[in-house]
Every structure is written in C-alpha cells, then in structure tokens.
Amino acid sequence: MVSTKYQNMLTAKSVIREMAEFAAMRGNEIGYENVFDFSLGNPSVPVPPRFSEAIIELLGTKTSRELHGYSPSLGIQAVKEKITSHLNHRYKMTYTANHIFMTAGAAGAIAHALRLVTNPGDKVLTFAPYFPEYAPYVNLSGAKLEIVPPDMVDFQIDFACFEEMLTAEVTAVLINTPHNPTGAIYNEATLTQMAELMTAKQKEYGHDIFLISDEPYRDVVFSGQNQPYISSYYANTLSCFSYSKSHSIPGERIGYLAVNPAATAADLLVPMSGQISRGIGHNCPASLIQLAIAETLDVTVDMSVYETNMNILYNELLALGFNCRKPEGTFYIFPQALEADAAVFCRKALAYDLILVPSDSFGCPGHFRIAYCIQTEKVERSLSAFRRFVEEEYDKKSH
C-alpha cells in the first residue's frame, strides 16, 4: 500500500521550491537573465579558490579508496579533529572529536539532533517566522512542532509567549541565527535570557530541555555585527552547522552536529547519532568533501557581495514605502507586503518577473522574503521592476 502520510504531503509542497520552479519555467520563455528570481537561498558567490585547490590536491595524493570509499559512520576522525581545533580556537570551547558528528548539511544535523533528544509525542518549540521545512523535520521525527508567535519589533524573542509555551511536554527548542527569513541576529541579551529561562524550566520540570541551534548562516554576518556562539550560553546545546553558505557548496551536502561537551550524556550523543543513521538512511557523508573541508576551515567566500546586495535592496524598499527591518546577516530580507494577503501580493509581482516568496508558510502572514543571493548587476536591474510594480499596482512612487 502506498504511504498516505507522504501522499498527503504532495498537497503541501514547499512554496519556496514552487516559486523557484516557476522562475525556471519563466526563464525558459524569456531568458533567465530577465527573471528576477529571489526565491531560493542558493549561494551566488563562487566557492573559495582554496577549496577547489584542495580537491585537486587530494585527487593527486590520496588513494581511490580514501577519496571515494565509505567514510566511518561517525565521520573521518582526522576531519573531526581539525573541526574541533577550529571551533575551540575560535569560540573558546572544549570540544573533542568525540563531540562531532559529520552530516549531510545542517538539515542532516537537525534530523539527528531531533531524534537524539525527543521521544514520540514530545513537543519542540520554534519561533515565528521560521524556515518552513522545520515542520516536516520535526513532525516526521515523531515529535510535535509548536510555534511561538513572533516579536514583530526586531525579530528577537517574545519571552512572555515563550515562557507560556515552555511547558513540561517540551524537550527541545529549535532556533536559527543569523535568521532565515528575517536576517536578524539573536543578540547576547536575548541568548542570555533564553538560557536562564530554559535552565530554570529544566530544574522546575526535572528533565533536560535541549537547544537545537540551526547555524548555516553563522559566517554570513555583516560589518559591525556579531553572532555570539550559541553553545557558550547554554550547556544542553546541539549546534547544527553547514558549509553550504560559508563555502557556497550546498550541493555537496556537508556539515556537522557539534554536541556541547557540558551537555547531558555528551559522550553518548555522537555514538547514538550513528545508530539514528541506520534508521533514516543517512550514512557516511562523501569522503572527498570531508577531506576538502578539513583543509579549508579558515576560508570563506566573499561575504561582502551579500551585504552590497542587501543595502541596494533595503534602501530602495524604504524609498518605495515598504516597512522593513534591516538585516544583520544571511542573504534574506523580510519586508511587509503592501497588502494584507502576501500571497496575492507575490502573485501580482510575477507579472513583473519578480519572484518573491510569501510569508504565510513562515508562520508570519503579511510579509514576503527576498533571497538576494544573485548577481549584484541583476539586483540593480531589478529595481526598475520593483518601481513599476509598486507604482502600477499600488500607486506608489519612489521618494
């Protein structure tokens, strides 16, 4: 019998992917260079030259089995040791290689983290607006996702709502900073207050509450901003990192789960992750890519391109009358739509070949997401389309 659970999911596809598919189809009609596709967070900056060089060096010096054979189920030991040294030096942590589990990107890390610290029926909290894929990530693990309403002022945390929803049934809290879709960064005051509240609730309820920190944009931080390292604030933290954004290699699917050494059962969680892999078919990230990452931990792509794109769009959106918070990192901006129904707003934008993502599936109606990880010249060309769209549909002019 065909699974009804996954069959039913066909009626609730990712709106981000649907918009990206539309952009590709429209590109076939008029040329993709004429489609202002702001749908998908697919990095536009080339990979660091050192990463490509590392792969070439590895191909010339390692055996076929070392490069293309199965890696150990918990990750290549030498790679994990280098990641450990990098994290400890950068963030003053005390990781060992036994606290690192290599994964297929941050999504793979989250998949393991959820199963490590929840049992079927447990509740997991996250904060709106949130990455829509969190819903299947959590719910298909057997846990239940609940959404804390957004703080619409600066997209930090509404602690009154958070405390009310942080009940005894909650065993994990899932956060993302720098944040998709808003570009906000959880600051030190927010992280300190969150850690204090979760620590108090652990004592009150008599059980652990783990913090699962989704950190693929940790290195995409704009000038003058700082992303505190989440695990240094709260002992029971599982850090989920991906090199997709820092190295512009989302197709390589490589990242890791880092277990805070101070966490409950810290020495068991990585071996347990290996057992989880047996059940979800996530085994042995590519050996070649693990080895290449180990040689390039201290390099990233040129992040300044994203800040340039952000400033161009942010200034124009403000001039057009949009209500918009300035991003502090990532490559997303999250303006308020010019009408209550963001889906209608985004459908109207299609007539101008502006591919925008409505915010309903992010748990925060009335906004839209722009993924500005495209070429800067294309961002600049899109401004005339935004002006025509706003003037013709909403009778507004840039000022």
Foldseek 3Di string as FASTA:
>chain_A
DDDPVVVVCVVVDDLLVVLVVVLVVVCVVVNSLQFAAQRDQQFQFAFPPLLVVLLVVCVVPDDCCLFFNFAPFQGHQVLLQLVQVVCCVVAVADFHSLQKGKFQALLRQLLLVLLLFDDAAAEEEEEFLADLCVQCSNVVSRYHYDYQYADVPQRQHPVVSVLVPPDLSAQEYEYEPVGPAALAAHDPVSLQVVQVSQVVVCVVNVHHRAYEYRYAFQPFFDPPDHHRDNCVRHQRYKYRYGLCAFRSCSVLRITIIGHRPSHVVSSVSSVVSSVVCVVPVTGGRRSSSSSSCSSDVPHGTDSVQLVLLQVLVVVLCVQQPWDWDRRRGDNKTKTFAPDQAQVVSQVLLVVLSHRWAASVSSVDGRIIMGRRSHGSVSSVVCSVSVQCSCCVVPVTHGD
